[in-house]
Amino acid sequence: MANQDRLTGLDSSFLHLERDAAHMHVAGCMVFEGHAPAYEDLVAEIVTRLYLVPRYRQRLAFVPLNQGRPVWVDDPHFNVTYHVRHTALPRPGGDQELKRLCGRVFSQALDRARPLWELWMVEGLSDDRFAILSKTHHALVDGVSGVDIATVLFDTSPDPMPVARPDQEWVPKPLPSSAQLLADALLERATVPGEIVRGVRATVRGPRQVARKAGEALVGVGAMAWTGLNAAPPSPFNVRIGPHRRFTWVRGDLSEFKAIKNTLGGTVNDAVLAVVSGALGRYMRIHGDSTDVALKAMIPVSVRADVERGALGNRVAAMWASLPVGITDPVKRMRRISSAMKDLKESGQAVGAQVLTELSGFAPPTIMAQAARLQARQRLFNLVVTNIPGPQVPLYMLGRELDALYPMVPLAENTALGIAIMSYNGQLNFGLVSDFDALPDVEVLADELRSSIDELATAAGVSGSDGVPVEARTARTGALPTPE
């Protein structure tokens, strides 16, 4: 069994973190212009692209006695029609109906006995549109890699060149026996000490460079350890959750956020965190919660090299950012966040997270499982906020243009809210997922997020890409009444 077919320590951790109430799949709602294609045409088109992503025809094989991390194996019963599904919205087919469907689909766990992905084609949208809902387990793909896979599955032109197909039809490789899985895992574990010895020899040959990198790693691990000693404060977003979800979105303008950071300094991500922090503070005050705290957001950071773009698996580390929800002045809030994020990057916290992640690859699965359970119980963060750079060119499927993409990040145990942000073709869209019962009024939070964006843009004196002053701009697309 090739080593590259075994899950990494980080990939495997997403399996250990999964619970009946916490499903570890990333997801998205993609809205297309034009009438929906025939289901058979969509299936046929996806089949022509699957050879570009062979892992999408593989499932997990678990090592007996939990003596090693799972491996990816070809699914001998692979049937694309199980993974590509077809449904329709009830009338009137507006955004509200689509969001409710997203919540139901995203609430359903993926079957570990099959390849860990699904696509749902949704008909019945108003205004001559259709949607594709995607679900992929976090053990298979991270956010940045997933963007690259999407650009493989979609086209950059409404009239693309024909896709070259392999000369031979796909035939699954034989499944390994339980004895073979166990033997491979034990052999790999036995070779780990040899790999460590070779690493030590390399260290001796290049002591200065390695010493510098080791020093940076130790500083980063120290920053991580200090963060772990400072638990996140209590908040209305950290309660026991169930398996059901609500999903909504806020559509934003990337040029507006760039204008904000150009005026106030900092980065686009600082502006994103500033409006999220403002919205959380507004929401907490509406519910009578104290905002005399700084919430902690877990922010995934890609450590994927350019040469690895498009590769499956996870290459992410994490930083814990402070969200000053009590600062009501948007400019002061943005500058506080910009300063704090600069300090975080200089602390090497992300480097420390990457070091610990890589070390997890050497840990026995039983230890990893216990560590994942412990991490789920500890309140190291209040919510996840992830900002994913997406393609800045229009994408197409079967000649239909992708109008908008709204991402979803999974909820960890005892975490009732997650916010994912993704840029696409000039947009910067926010996807908000919440536990169905713990945050039934997530639409109120979405409304406050829209207001927070307008507030920061007004304070910075910038206008949207259409040139209309912020004060005169109508509400953004997607505002809905609070669900019952």
Protein backbone atom coordinates (compact mmCIF):
# COMPACT_ATOMS: atom_id res chain seq x y z
CA MET A 1 0.00 0.00 0.00
CA ALA A 2 1.51 3.31 -1.07
CA ASN A 3 2.11 5.67 1.83
CA GLN A 4 0.49 8.55 -0.01
CA ASP A 5 -2.86 6.68 0.17
CA ARG A 6 -2.87 6.83 3.98
CA LEU A 7 -4.61 9.76 5.64
CA THR A 8 -2.33 12.30 7.27
CA GLY A 9 -2.62 12.99 10.96
CA LEU A 10 -4.62 16.15 10.23
CA ASP A 11 -6.95 14.43 7.75
CA SER A 12 -7.57 11.66 10.28
CA SER A 13 -8.29 14.15 13.06
CA PHE A 14 -11.43 15.29 11.23
CA LEU A 15 -12.73 11.74 11.44
CA HIS A 16 -12.03 11.63 15.19
CA LEU A 17 -13.75 15.00 15.70
CA GLU A 18 -16.94 13.86 13.99
CA ARG A 19 -19.92 13.14 16.25
CA ASP A 20 -23.62 12.49 15.73
CA ALA A 21 -24.18 16.20 16.30
CA ALA A 22 -20.99 17.50 14.65
CA HIS A 23 -20.54 16.50 11.02
CA MET A 24 -17.12 17.28 9.56
CA HIS A 25 -17.97 18.10 5.95
CA VAL A 26 -17.31 21.38 4.17
CA ALA A 27 -20.08 22.48 1.88
CA GLY A 28 -21.29 25.20 -0.42
CA CYS A 29 -24.31 26.53 -2.26
CA MET A 30 -23.62 27.50 -5.88
CA VAL A 31 -26.27 29.45 -7.76
CA PHE A 32 -26.22 29.39 -11.57
CA GLU A 33 -27.95 31.55 -14.15
CA GLY A 34 -30.24 29.87 -16.67
CA HIS A 35 -32.46 26.81 -16.62
CA ALA A 36 -31.15 23.64 -15.04
CA PRO A 37 -29.53 21.04 -17.29
CA ALA A 38 -31.04 17.60 -17.62
CA TYR A 39 -29.94 15.40 -14.73
CA GLU A 40 -28.52 12.83 -17.13
CA ASP A 41 -26.41 15.51 -18.87
CA LEU A 42 -25.01 16.68 -15.52
CA VAL A 43 -24.10 13.13 -14.51
CA ALA A 44 -22.45 12.47 -17.86
CA GLU A 45 -20.43 15.69 -17.61
CA ILE A 46 -19.20 14.85 -14.11
CA VAL A 47 -18.22 11.35 -15.21
CA THR A 48 -15.98 12.83 -17.91
CA ARG A 49 -14.10 14.83 -15.23
CA LEU A 50 -13.76 12.20 -12.49
CA TYR A 51 -10.47 10.87 -13.82
CA LEU A 52 -8.98 14.26 -12.92
CA VAL A 53 -9.88 13.67 -9.24
CA PRO A 54 -9.47 9.90 -8.69
CA ARG A 55 -9.96 10.25 -4.93
CA TYR A 56 -13.63 11.00 -5.61
CA ARG A 57 -14.01 7.31 -6.52
CA GLN A 58 -12.25 6.11 -3.38
CA ARG A 59 -13.56 5.33 0.09
CA LEU A 60 -11.96 4.77 3.47
CA ALA A 61 -10.53 1.45 4.60
CA PHE A 62 -9.96 1.21 8.36
CA VAL A 63 -7.01 -0.65 9.85
CA PRO A 64 -7.98 -3.54 12.16
CA LEU A 65 -7.57 -2.98 15.89
CA ASN A 66 -7.11 0.76 15.23
CA GLN A 67 -3.39 0.19 14.65
CA GLY A 68 -2.97 2.82 11.95
CA ARG A 69 -4.64 5.69 10.19
CA PRO A 70 -7.21 4.77 7.51
CA VAL A 71 -6.21 4.52 3.86
CA TRP A 72 -7.97 5.48 0.65
CA VAL A 73 -9.00 2.53 -1.55
CA ASP A 74 -10.98 2.29 -4.79
CA ASP A 75 -14.68 1.72 -4.19
CA PRO A 76 -15.62 -1.42 -6.15
CA HIS A 77 -19.31 -0.45 -5.92
CA PHE A 78 -18.88 3.17 -6.98
CA ASN A 79 -22.04 4.57 -8.56
CA VAL A 80 -21.96 8.22 -9.55
CA THR A 81 -25.76 8.55 -9.35
CA TYR A 82 -25.58 7.90 -5.59
CA HIS A 83 -23.37 10.97 -5.20
CA VAL A 84 -25.03 13.26 -7.76
CA ARG A 85 -28.59 13.86 -6.59
CA HIS A 86 -31.60 15.72 -7.95
CA THR A 87 -34.26 17.73 -6.13
CA ALA A 88 -36.45 20.82 -6.51
CA LEU A 89 -37.66 23.70 -4.36
CA PRO A 90 -41.29 24.36 -3.46
CA ARG A 91 -42.87 27.54 -4.78
CA PRO A 92 -42.03 30.38 -4.94
CA GLY A 93 -38.44 29.03 -5.16
CA GLY A 94 -36.78 32.05 -3.60
CA ASP A 95 -33.68 32.39 -1.48
CA GLN A 96 -35.61 31.53 1.67
CA GLU A 97 -36.64 28.13 0.29
CA LEU A 98 -33.10 27.51 -0.97
CA LYS A 99 -31.58 28.33 2.43
CA ARG A 100 -33.96 25.94 4.17
CA LEU A 101 -32.97 23.17 1.77
CA CYS A 102 -29.28 23.94 2.39
CA GLY A 103 -29.85 23.56 6.11
CA ARG A 104 -31.46 20.14 5.64
CA VAL A 105 -28.85 18.83 3.19
CA PHE A 106 -25.91 20.13 5.24
CA SER A 107 -27.38 18.46 8.36
CA GLN A 108 -26.96 14.97 6.90
CA ALA A 109 -23.72 13.10 7.59
CA LEU A 110 -21.80 11.55 4.71
CA ASP A 111 -21.70 7.75 4.55
CA ARG A 112 -18.20 6.56 5.49
CA ALA A 113 -18.74 3.32 3.56
CA ARG A 114 -18.77 5.31 0.30
CA PRO A 115 -16.65 8.09 -1.27
CA LEU A 116 -17.09 11.12 0.97
CA TRP A 117 -18.84 13.62 -1.29
CA GLU A 118 -22.24 14.58 -2.70
CA LEU A 119 -23.61 17.05 -5.25
CA TRP A 120 -27.28 18.06 -5.26
CA MET A 121 -28.78 19.70 -8.34
CA VAL A 122 -31.67 21.94 -7.27
CA GLU A 123 -34.37 23.01 -9.71
CA GLY A 124 -37.34 25.28 -9.12
CA LEU A 125 -35.42 28.48 -8.29
CA SER A 126 -37.09 31.74 -9.25
CA ASP A 127 -35.69 34.14 -11.84
CA ASP A 128 -34.55 31.36 -14.20
CA ARG A 129 -31.83 29.96 -11.91
CA PHE A 130 -30.75 26.62 -10.51
CA ALA A 131 -28.34 25.61 -7.76
CA ILE A 132 -25.75 22.99 -6.97
CA LEU A 133 -25.18 22.05 -3.33
CA SER A 134 -21.81 20.42 -2.65
CA LYS A 135 -20.66 18.40 0.36
CA THR A 136 -17.15 16.99 0.83
CA HIS A 137 -15.73 15.52 4.03
CA HIS A 138 -12.96 17.59 5.60
CA ALA A 139 -10.79 14.45 5.70
CA LEU A 140 -10.78 14.52 1.89
CA VAL A 141 -10.24 18.18 1.14
CA ASP A 142 -9.54 21.54 2.79
CA GLY A 143 -11.04 24.84 1.69
CA VAL A 144 -8.18 26.06 -0.50
CA SER A 145 -7.69 22.71 -2.22
CA GLY A 146 -11.44 22.47 -2.71
CA VAL A 147 -11.42 25.73 -4.66
CA ASP A 148 -8.86 24.28 -7.04
CA ILE A 149 -10.89 21.09 -7.49
CA ALA A 150 -13.94 23.20 -8.32
CA THR A 151 -12.04 24.93 -11.09
CA VAL A 152 -11.19 21.48 -12.48
CA LEU A 153 -14.81 20.35 -12.41
CA PHE A 154 -16.10 23.60 -13.91
CA ASP A 155 -15.20 25.55 -17.06
CA THR A 156 -13.81 29.05 -17.55
CA SER A 157 -15.76 29.57 -20.78
CA PRO A 158 -19.39 28.99 -21.75
CA ASP A 159 -18.09 27.09 -24.80
CA PRO A 160 -15.16 25.03 -23.44
CA MET A 161 -12.90 22.78 -25.40
CA PRO A 162 -13.86 19.08 -25.28
CA VAL A 163 -12.33 17.25 -22.31
CA ALA A 164 -9.83 14.56 -23.25
CA ARG A 165 -10.82 11.23 -21.71
CA PRO A 166 -8.55 8.33 -20.75
CA ASP A 167 -8.13 5.59 -23.33
CA GLN A 168 -9.40 2.96 -20.90
CA GLU A 169 -12.46 2.91 -18.69
CA TRP A 170 -11.88 3.15 -14.95
CA VAL A 171 -11.51 -0.21 -13.24
CA PRO A 172 -11.24 -0.26 -9.43
CA LYS A 173 -8.13 -1.80 -7.90
CA PRO A 174 -8.71 -4.87 -5.70
CA LEU A 175 -9.50 -4.09 -2.08
CA PRO A 176 -6.73 -4.85 0.41
CA SER A 177 -7.48 -7.55 2.97
CA SER A 178 -7.68 -6.80 6.68
CA ALA A 179 -4.38 -8.62 7.15
CA GLN A 180 -2.73 -6.49 4.47
CA LEU A 181 -4.05 -3.26 6.01
CA LEU A 182 -2.71 -4.27 9.41
CA ALA A 183 0.67 -5.38 8.05
CA ASP A 184 1.14 -2.16 6.06
CA ALA A 185 0.28 -0.03 9.08
CA LEU A 186 2.71 -1.88 11.35
CA LEU A 187 5.44 -1.74 8.71
CA GLU A 188 4.96 2.00 8.28
CA ARG A 189 5.11 2.52 12.04
CA ALA A 190 8.34 0.51 12.21
CA THR A 191 9.95 2.71 9.53
CA VAL A 192 9.13 5.99 11.32
CA PRO A 193 12.24 5.81 13.58
CA GLY A 194 14.36 5.42 10.46
CA GLU A 195 12.83 8.54 8.98
CA ILE A 196 13.62 10.43 12.19
CA VAL A 197 17.26 9.28 12.06
CA ARG A 198 17.56 10.46 8.48
CA GLY A 199 16.12 13.81 9.54
CA VAL A 200 18.74 14.12 12.28
CA ARG A 201 21.50 13.42 9.77
CA ALA A 202 20.13 16.17 7.53
CA THR A 203 20.14 18.49 10.52
CA VAL A 204 23.81 17.84 11.14
CA ARG A 205 24.64 18.58 7.52
CA GLY A 206 22.88 21.97 7.57
CA PRO A 207 22.98 23.11 11.20
CA ARG A 208 22.54 26.87 10.75
CA GLN A 209 19.49 26.76 8.53
CA VAL A 210 17.86 23.99 10.52
CA ALA A 211 18.63 25.74 13.82
CA ARG A 212 16.94 28.88 12.56
CA LYS A 213 13.84 26.97 11.45
CA ALA A 214 13.80 24.99 14.69
CA GLY A 215 13.96 28.22 16.65
CA GLU A 216 11.02 29.62 14.71
CA ALA A 217 9.07 26.42 15.30
CA LEU A 218 9.77 26.45 19.04
CA VAL A 219 8.61 30.06 19.28
CA GLY A 220 5.45 29.12 17.40
CA VAL A 221 4.78 26.12 19.63
CA GLY A 222 5.25 28.38 22.66
CA ALA A 223 2.71 30.82 21.24
CA MET A 224 0.31 27.94 20.69
CA ALA A 225 0.82 26.67 24.24
CA TRP A 226 0.16 30.14 25.69
CA THR A 227 -3.05 30.37 23.65
CA GLY A 228 -4.16 26.99 24.95
CA LEU A 229 -3.76 28.18 28.55
CA ASN A 230 -6.17 31.06 27.88
CA ALA A 231 -9.59 29.55 27.30
CA ALA A 232 -12.17 31.40 25.24
CA PRO A 233 -14.77 33.31 27.28
CA PRO A 234 -18.33 32.05 27.72
CA SER A 235 -20.64 33.15 24.92
CA PRO A 236 -24.10 32.40 23.52
CA PHE A 237 -22.35 30.61 20.65
CA ASN A 238 -20.83 27.88 22.85
CA VAL A 239 -23.57 25.51 23.90
CA ARG A 240 -24.48 21.88 23.31
CA ILE A 241 -25.53 21.39 19.68
CA GLY A 242 -27.67 18.91 17.82
CA PRO A 243 -27.34 17.48 14.29
CA HIS A 244 -29.64 19.98 12.55
CA ARG A 245 -28.50 23.17 10.86
CA ARG A 246 -29.68 26.52 9.60
CA PHE A 247 -27.82 28.20 6.74
CA THR A 248 -27.92 31.72 5.39
CA TRP A 249 -25.64 34.11 3.55
CA VAL A 250 -24.69 37.72 3.01
CA ARG A 251 -23.50 38.80 -0.41
CA GLY A 252 -20.58 41.23 -0.37
CA ASP A 253 -18.40 43.19 -2.77
CA LEU A 254 -14.66 42.43 -2.83
CA SER A 255 -13.79 45.87 -4.24
CA GLU A 256 -15.59 47.48 -1.30
CA PHE A 257 -13.46 45.58 1.20
CA LYS A 258 -10.31 46.43 -0.75
CA ALA A 259 -11.27 50.11 -0.66
CA ILE A 260 -11.81 49.87 3.11
CA LYS A 261 -8.37 48.40 3.74
CA ASN A 262 -6.75 50.90 1.36
CA THR A 263 -8.33 53.76 3.32
CA LEU A 264 -7.90 52.46 6.88
CA GLY A 265 -4.80 50.27 6.46
CA GLY A 266 -4.50 46.60 7.26
CA THR A 267 -5.68 43.79 5.02
CA VAL A 268 -8.91 42.58 3.47
CA ASN A 269 -8.99 39.84 6.09
CA ASP A 270 -8.71 42.49 8.84
CA ALA A 271 -11.75 44.24 7.36
CA VAL A 272 -13.61 40.93 7.24
CA LEU A 273 -12.86 40.24 10.90
CA ALA A 274 -13.85 43.81 11.80
CA VAL A 275 -17.33 43.48 10.27
CA VAL A 276 -17.80 39.99 11.74
CA SER A 277 -16.78 41.29 15.17
CA GLY A 278 -19.17 44.22 14.79
CA ALA A 279 -22.05 41.93 13.82
CA LEU A 280 -21.41 39.56 16.73
CA GLY A 281 -21.37 42.48 19.16
CA ARG A 282 -24.62 43.86 17.77
CA TYR A 283 -26.27 40.42 18.00
CA MET A 284 -25.09 39.87 21.59
CA ARG A 285 -26.38 43.27 22.73
CA ILE A 286 -29.77 42.60 21.09
CA HIS A 287 -30.02 39.49 23.27
CA GLY A 288 -28.83 41.22 26.41
CA ASP A 289 -25.44 39.48 26.50
CA SER A 290 -22.41 41.34 27.82
CA THR A 291 -19.91 42.44 25.18
CA ASP A 292 -17.28 43.39 27.74
CA VAL A 293 -15.21 40.47 26.39
CA ALA A 294 -13.04 39.62 23.42
CA LEU A 295 -14.28 36.51 21.64
CA LYS A 296 -11.71 34.11 20.18
CA ALA A 297 -12.03 33.04 16.58
CA MET A 298 -10.19 30.04 15.21
CA ILE A 299 -8.87 31.09 11.80
CA PRO A 300 -7.56 28.32 9.51
CA VAL A 301 -4.41 29.34 7.63
CA SER A 302 -3.35 27.57 4.46
CA VAL A 303 0.23 26.25 4.46
CA ARG A 304 -0.21 24.70 1.02
CA ALA A 305 2.67 25.48 -1.32
CA ASP A 306 1.90 26.67 -4.85
CA VAL A 307 3.13 23.35 -6.26
CA GLU A 308 0.55 21.57 -4.08
CA ARG A 309 -2.46 23.53 -5.33
CA GLY A 310 -5.10 21.14 -6.57
CA ALA A 311 -3.83 18.30 -4.38
CA LEU A 312 -6.34 16.68 -2.06
CA GLY A 313 -5.95 16.37 1.69
CA ASN A 314 -5.50 19.09 4.29
CA ARG A 315 -2.60 21.55 4.45
CA VAL A 316 -3.84 24.01 7.03
CA ALA A 317 -2.69 25.39 10.36
CA ALA A 318 -4.62 27.66 12.71
CA MET A 319 -4.46 30.99 14.50
CA TRP A 320 -6.64 32.18 17.37
CA ALA A 321 -7.70 35.78 16.75
CA SER A 322 -9.28 38.16 19.24
CA LEU A 323 -12.60 39.71 18.20
CA PRO A 324 -13.27 42.92 20.21
CA VAL A 325 -17.07 42.71 20.10
CA GLY A 326 -17.39 45.50 22.69
CA ILE A 327 -15.82 48.20 20.47
CA THR A 328 -18.70 49.95 18.74
CA ASP A 329 -16.59 52.41 16.73
CA PRO A 330 -15.92 50.56 13.43
CA VAL A 331 -12.61 52.32 12.69
CA LYS A 332 -11.21 51.69 16.17
CA ARG A 333 -12.36 48.07 15.91
CA MET A 334 -10.65 47.61 12.54
CA ARG A 335 -7.39 49.15 13.76
CA ARG A 336 -7.42 47.06 16.95
CA ILE A 337 -7.87 43.90 14.86
CA SER A 338 -5.17 44.92 12.34
CA SER A 339 -2.67 45.46 15.15
CA ALA A 340 -3.59 42.19 16.86
CA MET A 341 -3.38 40.18 13.62
CA LYS A 342 0.05 41.66 12.87
CA ASP A 343 1.24 40.58 16.32
CA LEU A 344 -0.23 37.11 15.79
CA LYS A 345 1.64 36.62 12.52
CA GLU A 346 4.89 37.78 14.11
CA SER A 347 4.37 35.42 17.07
CA GLY A 348 4.62 32.40 14.77
CA GLN A 349 1.41 30.91 16.15
CA ALA A 350 0.53 29.41 12.77
CA VAL A 351 4.01 27.88 12.52
CA GLY A 352 3.50 26.29 15.92
CA ALA A 353 0.15 24.89 14.85
CA GLN A 354 1.74 23.42 11.74
CA VAL A 355 4.52 21.79 13.78
CA LEU A 356 2.01 20.17 16.13
CA THR A 357 -0.09 19.06 13.17
CA GLU A 358 2.89 17.40 11.52
CA LEU A 359 3.87 15.70 14.78
CA SER A 360 0.37 14.22 14.97
CA GLY A 361 1.29 12.09 11.98
CA PHE A 362 3.59 10.07 14.26
CA ALA A 363 1.01 9.57 17.01
CA PRO A 364 -0.81 6.23 17.37
CA PRO A 365 -4.47 6.49 16.34
CA THR A 366 -5.70 5.79 19.87
CA ILE A 367 -3.79 8.81 21.20
CA MET A 368 -5.05 10.95 18.31
CA ALA A 369 -8.64 9.93 19.04
CA GLN A 370 -8.31 10.89 22.71
CA ALA A 371 -6.63 14.19 21.79
CA ALA A 372 -9.46 15.01 19.37
CA ARG A 373 -12.07 14.34 22.06
CA LEU A 374 -10.17 16.51 24.53
CA GLN A 375 -9.89 19.32 21.99
CA ALA A 376 -13.64 19.14 21.36
CA ARG A 377 -14.38 19.54 25.07
CA GLN A 378 -11.98 22.44 25.62
CA ARG A 379 -13.21 25.91 24.71
CA LEU A 380 -10.13 27.17 22.88
CA PHE A 381 -12.28 29.28 20.56
CA ASN A 382 -15.83 30.62 20.34
CA LEU A 383 -16.35 30.15 16.62
CA VAL A 384 -14.54 29.44 13.35
CA VAL A 385 -14.07 32.27 10.84
CA THR A 386 -12.43 31.16 7.61
CA ASN A 387 -11.70 33.37 4.59
CA ILE A 388 -11.03 31.41 1.40
CA PRO A 389 -9.64 33.04 -1.75
CA GLY A 390 -11.61 31.86 -4.75
CA PRO A 391 -11.27 32.23 -8.52
CA GLN A 392 -11.65 35.77 -9.81
CA VAL A 393 -12.96 34.73 -13.23
CA PRO A 394 -16.46 33.55 -14.14
CA LEU A 395 -17.00 29.79 -13.94
CA TYR A 396 -19.47 27.78 -16.00
CA MET A 397 -21.17 24.41 -15.88
CA LEU A 398 -22.64 23.05 -19.10
CA GLY A 399 -22.63 26.60 -20.48
CA ARG A 400 -24.43 28.13 -17.46
CA GLU A 401 -22.59 30.85 -15.57
CA LEU A 402 -21.99 30.50 -11.84
CA ASP A 403 -23.58 33.62 -10.38
CA ALA A 404 -22.63 33.23 -6.70
CA LEU A 405 -21.00 30.80 -4.29
CA TYR A 406 -21.81 30.64 -0.56
CA PRO A 407 -19.47 28.46 1.55
CA MET A 408 -20.15 26.49 4.75
CA VAL A 409 -17.68 25.50 7.47
CA PRO A 410 -18.58 22.55 9.78
CA LEU A 411 -19.54 23.11 13.40
CA ALA A 412 -17.35 21.56 16.08
CA GLU A 413 -18.84 20.12 19.24
CA ASN A 414 -20.27 22.80 21.57
CA THR A 415 -19.91 25.44 18.84
CA ALA A 416 -23.24 26.70 17.51
CA LEU A 417 -21.98 29.17 14.87
CA GLY A 418 -19.51 29.11 12.02
CA ILE A 419 -18.77 31.79 9.42
CA ALA A 420 -17.09 31.04 6.09
CA ILE A 421 -16.15 33.75 3.60
CA MET A 422 -15.19 33.18 0.00
CA SER A 423 -14.28 35.51 -2.83
CA TYR A 424 -15.43 34.77 -6.37
CA ASN A 425 -15.38 36.94 -9.49
CA GLY A 426 -15.43 40.23 -7.59
CA GLN A 427 -17.76 39.05 -4.83
CA LEU A 428 -16.92 38.43 -1.17
CA ASN A 429 -19.73 36.26 0.18
CA PHE A 430 -20.36 35.18 3.78
CA GLY A 431 -21.92 31.82 4.61
CA LEU A 432 -23.36 31.53 8.13
CA VAL A 433 -24.18 28.11 9.56
CA SER A 434 -25.76 27.62 12.96
CA ASP A 435 -27.25 24.92 15.11
CA PHE A 436 -30.97 24.75 14.35
CA ASP A 437 -32.11 25.06 17.97
CA ALA A 438 -29.28 27.00 19.64
CA LEU A 439 -29.36 29.92 17.15
CA PRO A 440 -32.82 29.91 15.58
CA ASP A 441 -32.53 33.60 14.65
CA VAL A 442 -29.33 33.38 12.62
CA GLU A 443 -31.04 35.65 10.06
CA VAL A 444 -30.89 38.41 12.67
CA LEU A 445 -27.12 37.94 12.80
CA ALA A 446 -27.02 38.07 8.99
CA ASP A 447 -28.92 41.38 9.06
CA GLU A 448 -26.46 42.75 11.62
CA LEU A 449 -23.58 41.62 9.40
CA ARG A 450 -25.01 43.60 6.49
CA SER A 451 -25.34 46.62 8.76
CA SER A 452 -21.79 46.14 10.05
CA ILE A 453 -20.43 46.11 6.49
CA ASP A 454 -22.28 49.31 5.64
CA GLU A 455 -21.16 50.91 8.90
CA LEU A 456 -17.47 50.22 8.25
CA ALA A 457 -17.73 51.28 4.59
CA THR A 458 -19.44 54.53 5.60
CA ALA A 459 -16.80 55.24 8.25
CA ALA A 460 -14.09 54.66 5.65
CA GLY A 461 -15.90 56.89 3.16
CA VAL A 462 -15.96 54.30 0.38
CA SER A 463 -18.64 53.28 -2.09
CA GLY A 464 -19.54 49.99 -3.66
CA SER A 465 -18.26 48.87 -7.04
CA ASP A 466 -21.37 50.34 -8.69
CA GLY A 467 -20.29 53.82 -7.57
CA VAL A 468 -23.42 54.41 -5.50
CA PRO A 469 -22.62 56.02 -2.14
CA VAL A 470 -22.98 53.66 0.79
CA GLU A 471 -25.63 55.86 2.42
CA ALA A 472 -27.88 55.57 -0.62
CA ARG A 473 -27.35 51.89 -1.34
CA THR A 474 -30.31 49.58 -0.91
CA ALA A 475 -30.11 46.48 1.26
CA ARG A 476 -27.94 43.70 -0.07
CA THR A 477 -29.44 40.68 -1.77
CA GLY A 478 -30.46 37.96 0.62
CA ALA A 479 -32.18 39.83 3.47
CA LEU A 480 -34.91 37.64 4.88
CA PRO A 481 -37.29 37.83 7.81
CA THR A 482 -36.41 35.88 10.91
CA PRO A 483 -37.50 32.24 10.44
CA GLU A 484 -40.28 30.99 12.64
